[in-house]
Amino acid sequence: MNQNHYISAQPEVVDRTTWQAQLNELRIREKEHTREGDAIAAARRRLPMVEVDPTTPLIGPDGPVTLLDTFEGRSQLIVYFHMWHTGRPASEQCEGCTFSTTHINELSYLHSRDVSYATFCEGPYEENSRYRDFMGWTMPWYSVPEEAVDRLIVDRHFGILVSYLRDGDKVYETYWTTGRGNELMSPSYGLLDLTVYGRQEFWEDSPEGWPQHWGSKGGQFQLNGRPTAQWSRLAEGRSDNLGT
């Protein structure tokens, strides 16, 4: 399932001294970008917060739980709200949510800072949990029953990333983002940004002749009609039967 493209356009070749001088100029901008990110994070830590219902129901592997339970005893919780298309096969599930969620693996670093992480997915647990198993994801996974959607989403939509704080039995929402704000879940994008051809998406400001193959409507997360990460699971012989 590899995509090999013949690429003729390339950067100019210069001597190492010239190359390093231009890289040093760019490094100044990179450091400014980093410092601005630090300043934004500092402002984020100073935002007010809003109380949410800690008894909001969810479904986990052992049955009904509450929002409070998903903290697993820690004081903070990060949740990704995964879109789900009930009754549809694995190949038609959300390619963007699959892209983001596939990157989440080791949670010990979050846990060491008293932060839990979980995925809250639309749809019936018995169906969407089969998708989690097919993908081989190991993060805590919960289904959001219909009666809880409005209490958690509040005029937003699935595909958001939310931060919560627990104070005893009280729960507060402190921050949320979506769209490109979710990119911090996906280091593949950050690594692609370091390469000469970038993400190879149409919206990027790239020199003439640079490869650009994908738009921003989901196709950038698909390969041969499926979410990209599914192909390696199929090659391992895993079943993508969701019981639908």
Protein backbone atom coordinates (compact mmCIF):
# COMPACT_ATOMS: atom_id res chain seq x y z
CA MET A 1 0.00 0.00 0.00
CA ASN A 2 2.99 2.32 -0.39
CA GLN A 3 2.61 5.37 -2.59
CA ASN A 4 5.73 6.07 -4.65
CA HIS A 5 5.81 9.30 -6.61
CA TYR A 6 8.55 10.34 -9.00
CA ILE A 7 9.58 13.84 -7.98
CA SER A 8 11.68 16.03 -10.24
CA ALA A 9 11.41 19.36 -8.37
CA GLN A 10 14.09 19.78 -5.71
CA PRO A 11 15.65 22.60 -3.68
CA GLU A 12 18.69 24.43 -4.97
CA VAL A 13 22.02 22.79 -4.12
CA VAL A 14 24.48 25.10 -2.34
CA ASP A 15 27.63 24.70 -0.25
CA ARG A 16 27.25 23.85 3.44
CA THR A 17 28.22 27.33 4.65
CA THR A 18 25.51 29.00 2.57
CA TRP A 19 22.97 26.36 3.61
CA GLN A 20 23.79 26.75 7.33
CA ALA A 21 23.56 30.56 7.12
CA GLN A 22 20.01 30.38 5.74
CA LEU A 23 19.08 27.72 8.27
CA ASN A 24 20.36 29.99 11.06
CA GLU A 25 18.06 32.76 9.82
CA LEU A 26 15.12 30.38 9.89
CA ARG A 27 16.10 29.23 13.38
CA ILE A 28 15.47 32.74 14.69
CA ARG A 29 11.88 32.53 13.47
CA GLU A 30 11.51 29.00 14.89
CA LYS A 31 12.59 30.20 18.33
CA GLU A 32 10.15 33.12 18.14
CA HIS A 33 7.41 30.63 17.25
CA THR A 34 8.34 28.46 20.24
CA ARG A 35 8.28 31.42 22.63
CA GLU A 36 4.91 32.54 21.30
CA GLY A 37 3.61 29.01 21.86
CA ASP A 38 4.87 29.20 25.46
CA ALA A 39 3.07 32.52 25.91
CA ILE A 40 -0.17 31.10 24.53
CA ALA A 41 0.11 28.11 26.87
CA ALA A 42 0.61 30.50 29.78
CA ALA A 43 -2.57 32.33 28.80
CA ARG A 44 -4.39 29.02 28.49
CA ARG A 45 -3.44 28.18 32.07
CA ARG A 46 -5.06 31.43 33.17
CA LEU A 47 -8.43 30.82 31.53
CA PRO A 48 -11.50 30.52 33.75
CA MET A 49 -13.37 27.21 33.79
CA VAL A 50 -16.95 25.95 33.67
CA GLU A 51 -18.52 23.28 35.88
CA VAL A 52 -19.91 20.14 34.24
CA ASP A 53 -22.01 17.33 35.64
CA PRO A 54 -19.68 14.68 37.13
CA THR A 55 -22.47 12.08 37.00
CA THR A 56 -22.78 12.30 33.20
CA PRO A 57 -23.19 8.66 32.09
CA LEU A 58 -20.79 6.78 29.83
CA ILE A 59 -20.34 3.14 28.86
CA GLY A 60 -17.03 1.36 29.42
CA PRO A 61 -15.81 -2.22 29.11
CA ASP A 62 -17.48 -3.17 32.39
CA GLY A 63 -20.73 -1.30 31.76
CA PRO A 64 -22.04 2.09 32.93
CA VAL A 65 -19.61 4.59 34.47
CA THR A 66 -19.68 8.35 35.11
CA LEU A 67 -17.52 11.17 33.84
CA LEU A 68 -15.96 11.31 37.30
CA ASP A 69 -14.96 7.64 37.05
CA THR A 70 -12.98 8.25 33.85
CA PHE A 71 -10.45 10.38 35.74
CA GLU A 72 -9.22 7.09 37.26
CA GLY A 73 -8.51 8.94 40.50
CA ARG A 74 -6.31 11.60 38.90
CA SER A 75 -6.97 15.32 39.09
CA GLN A 76 -6.93 16.06 35.36
CA LEU A 77 -8.35 14.41 32.26
CA ILE A 78 -7.82 14.90 28.53
CA VAL A 79 -10.55 13.51 26.27
CA TYR A 80 -10.72 13.12 22.52
CA PHE A 81 -14.31 12.88 21.24
CA HIS A 82 -14.18 10.33 18.42
CA MET A 83 -16.79 10.53 15.64
CA TRP A 84 -18.70 7.35 14.85
CA HIS A 85 -20.93 6.31 11.97
CA THR A 86 -23.26 3.71 13.47
CA GLY A 87 -23.91 0.68 11.28
CA ARG A 88 -21.15 1.53 8.81
CA PRO A 89 -18.14 -0.75 8.16
CA ALA A 90 -14.65 -0.02 9.44
CA SER A 91 -13.55 1.29 6.05
CA GLU A 92 -16.15 4.07 6.31
CA GLN A 93 -15.34 5.24 9.82
CA CYS A 94 -13.89 8.70 10.40
CA GLU A 95 -10.50 8.93 8.76
CA GLY A 96 -9.53 12.10 10.64
CA CYS A 97 -10.38 10.69 14.07
CA THR A 98 -8.56 7.50 13.14
CA PHE A 99 -5.50 9.52 12.13
CA SER A 100 -5.44 11.42 15.42
CA THR A 101 -6.25 8.50 17.70
CA THR A 102 -3.73 6.14 16.12
CA HIS A 103 -0.91 8.36 17.38
CA ILE A 104 -1.92 8.02 21.04
CA ASN A 105 0.03 5.20 22.63
CA GLU A 106 2.14 5.64 25.78
CA LEU A 107 0.21 7.34 28.59
CA SER A 108 2.73 6.98 31.42
CA TYR A 109 4.13 10.48 30.88
CA LEU A 110 0.66 11.98 31.26
CA HIS A 111 -0.02 9.82 34.29
CA SER A 112 3.22 10.99 35.91
CA ARG A 113 1.75 14.53 35.85
CA ASP A 114 -1.54 13.41 37.40
CA VAL A 115 -3.32 13.49 34.02
CA SER A 116 -5.55 10.74 32.60
CA TYR A 117 -6.41 10.35 28.93
CA ALA A 118 -9.50 8.75 27.38
CA THR A 119 -11.42 8.46 24.13
CA PHE A 120 -15.15 9.19 24.24
CA CYS A 121 -16.75 7.71 21.13
CA GLU A 122 -20.17 8.16 19.60
CA GLY A 123 -22.33 5.14 18.92
CA PRO A 124 -22.94 1.83 20.72
CA TYR A 125 -20.04 0.49 22.75
CA GLU A 126 -20.37 -3.06 21.42
CA GLU A 127 -19.78 -1.72 17.90
CA ASN A 128 -17.20 1.01 18.31
CA SER A 129 -15.12 -1.02 20.78
CA ARG A 130 -14.61 -3.62 18.02
CA TYR A 131 -13.04 -0.85 15.97
CA ARG A 132 -10.74 0.02 18.88
CA ASP A 133 -9.72 -3.64 19.08
CA PHE A 134 -9.18 -3.89 15.31
CA MET A 135 -6.95 -0.82 15.41
CA GLY A 136 -5.09 -2.15 18.44
CA TRP A 137 -5.63 0.98 20.50
CA THR A 138 -4.97 0.64 24.22
CA MET A 139 -6.15 3.93 25.69
CA PRO A 140 -9.25 3.95 27.94
CA TRP A 141 -12.29 3.87 25.66
CA TYR A 142 -15.86 4.87 26.48
CA SER A 143 -19.07 5.19 24.50
CA VAL A 144 -21.22 8.29 24.93
CA PRO A 145 -24.91 7.34 25.20
CA GLU A 146 -27.40 9.58 23.43
CA GLU A 147 -28.65 11.16 26.64
CA ALA A 148 -25.12 12.32 27.51
CA VAL A 149 -24.16 13.87 24.18
CA ASP A 150 -25.62 17.33 24.78
CA ARG A 151 -24.27 17.43 28.32
CA LEU A 152 -20.72 16.88 27.10
CA ILE A 153 -20.69 18.41 23.62
CA VAL A 154 -22.77 21.56 24.37
CA ASP A 155 -23.40 22.95 20.86
CA ARG A 156 -20.12 21.56 19.51
CA HIS A 157 -19.47 18.34 17.60
CA PHE A 158 -17.47 15.16 17.90
CA GLY A 159 -13.87 15.61 16.83
CA ILE A 160 -13.02 17.94 19.72
CA LEU A 161 -10.21 17.67 22.27
CA VAL A 162 -11.19 18.66 25.82
CA SER A 163 -9.33 19.22 29.09
CA TYR A 164 -11.02 18.69 32.47
CA LEU A 165 -10.08 19.35 36.08
CA ARG A 166 -11.41 17.43 39.08
CA ASP A 167 -11.75 18.96 42.53
CA GLY A 168 -13.03 16.23 44.81
CA ASP A 169 -16.37 15.18 43.34
CA LYS A 170 -16.69 18.27 41.18
CA VAL A 171 -15.59 18.38 37.52
CA TYR A 172 -14.74 21.44 35.43
CA GLU A 173 -14.01 21.93 31.75
CA THR A 174 -10.93 24.12 31.36
CA TYR A 175 -10.18 24.11 27.60
CA TRP A 176 -11.26 22.66 24.27
CA THR A 177 -10.12 22.81 20.66
CA THR A 178 -10.85 21.18 17.32
CA GLY A 179 -9.78 21.22 13.67
CA ARG A 180 -6.11 22.05 13.39
CA GLY A 181 -6.03 22.42 17.15
CA ASN A 182 -6.10 18.61 17.23
CA GLU A 183 -2.81 18.40 15.33
CA LEU A 184 -0.85 18.23 18.57
CA MET A 185 -2.19 14.68 18.89
CA SER A 186 -0.46 13.72 15.64
CA PRO A 187 3.34 13.98 15.58
CA SER A 188 3.35 12.66 12.02
CA TYR A 189 2.26 16.11 10.86
CA GLY A 190 5.02 17.82 12.82
CA LEU A 191 7.59 15.45 11.36
CA LEU A 192 6.26 15.97 7.82
CA ASP A 193 6.60 19.73 8.36
CA LEU A 194 10.36 19.15 8.80
CA THR A 195 10.69 17.51 5.40
CA VAL A 196 11.39 19.35 2.17
CA TYR A 197 8.03 18.41 0.62
CA GLY A 198 5.99 18.97 3.79
CA ARG A 199 2.53 17.44 4.08
CA GLN A 200 2.03 17.46 0.29
CA GLU A 201 -1.43 19.00 0.71
CA PHE A 202 -2.93 21.53 -1.68
CA TRP A 203 -3.26 24.36 0.84
CA GLU A 204 0.46 24.49 1.65
CA ASP A 205 2.63 27.33 0.41
CA SER A 206 5.24 25.30 -1.48
CA PRO A 207 7.50 26.16 -4.44
CA GLU A 208 6.26 25.45 -7.94
CA GLY A 209 6.65 21.80 -8.87
CA TRP A 210 6.54 20.52 -5.30
CA PRO A 211 4.32 17.42 -4.93
CA GLN A 212 0.84 18.20 -3.61
CA HIS A 213 -1.59 15.30 -3.72
CA TRP A 214 -4.25 15.85 -1.06
CA GLY A 215 -6.94 18.32 -0.08
CA SER A 216 -8.33 18.88 3.40
CA LYS A 217 -11.66 17.04 3.23
CA GLY A 218 -10.47 13.72 4.64
CA GLY A 219 -8.60 12.31 1.68
CA GLN A 220 -5.30 13.27 3.28
CA PHE A 221 -6.02 10.62 5.92
CA GLN A 222 -7.05 7.89 3.47
CA LEU A 223 -5.22 5.37 1.28
CA ASN A 224 -7.07 3.35 -1.37
CA GLY A 225 -10.46 4.22 0.10
CA ARG A 226 -9.73 3.41 3.75
CA PRO A 227 -8.30 5.30 6.71
CA THR A 228 -4.56 4.88 6.10
CA ALA A 229 -3.69 3.10 9.35
CA GLN A 230 -6.20 0.32 8.68
CA TRP A 231 -4.09 -1.27 5.94
CA SER A 232 -1.29 -2.39 8.24
CA ARG A 233 -3.86 -3.98 10.58
CA LEU A 234 -5.42 -5.90 7.70
CA ALA A 235 -1.96 -7.03 6.59
CA GLU A 236 -1.49 -8.49 10.08
CA GLY A 237 -4.65 -10.54 9.58
CA ARG A 238 -6.88 -8.63 11.98
CA SER A 239 -10.61 -8.72 11.34
CA ASP A 240 -12.35 -5.40 10.71
CA ASN A 241 -15.80 -6.94 11.26
CA LEU A 242 -17.65 -4.54 13.56
CA GLY A 243 -20.68 -6.76 13.90
CA THR A 244 -22.74 -4.51 11.69
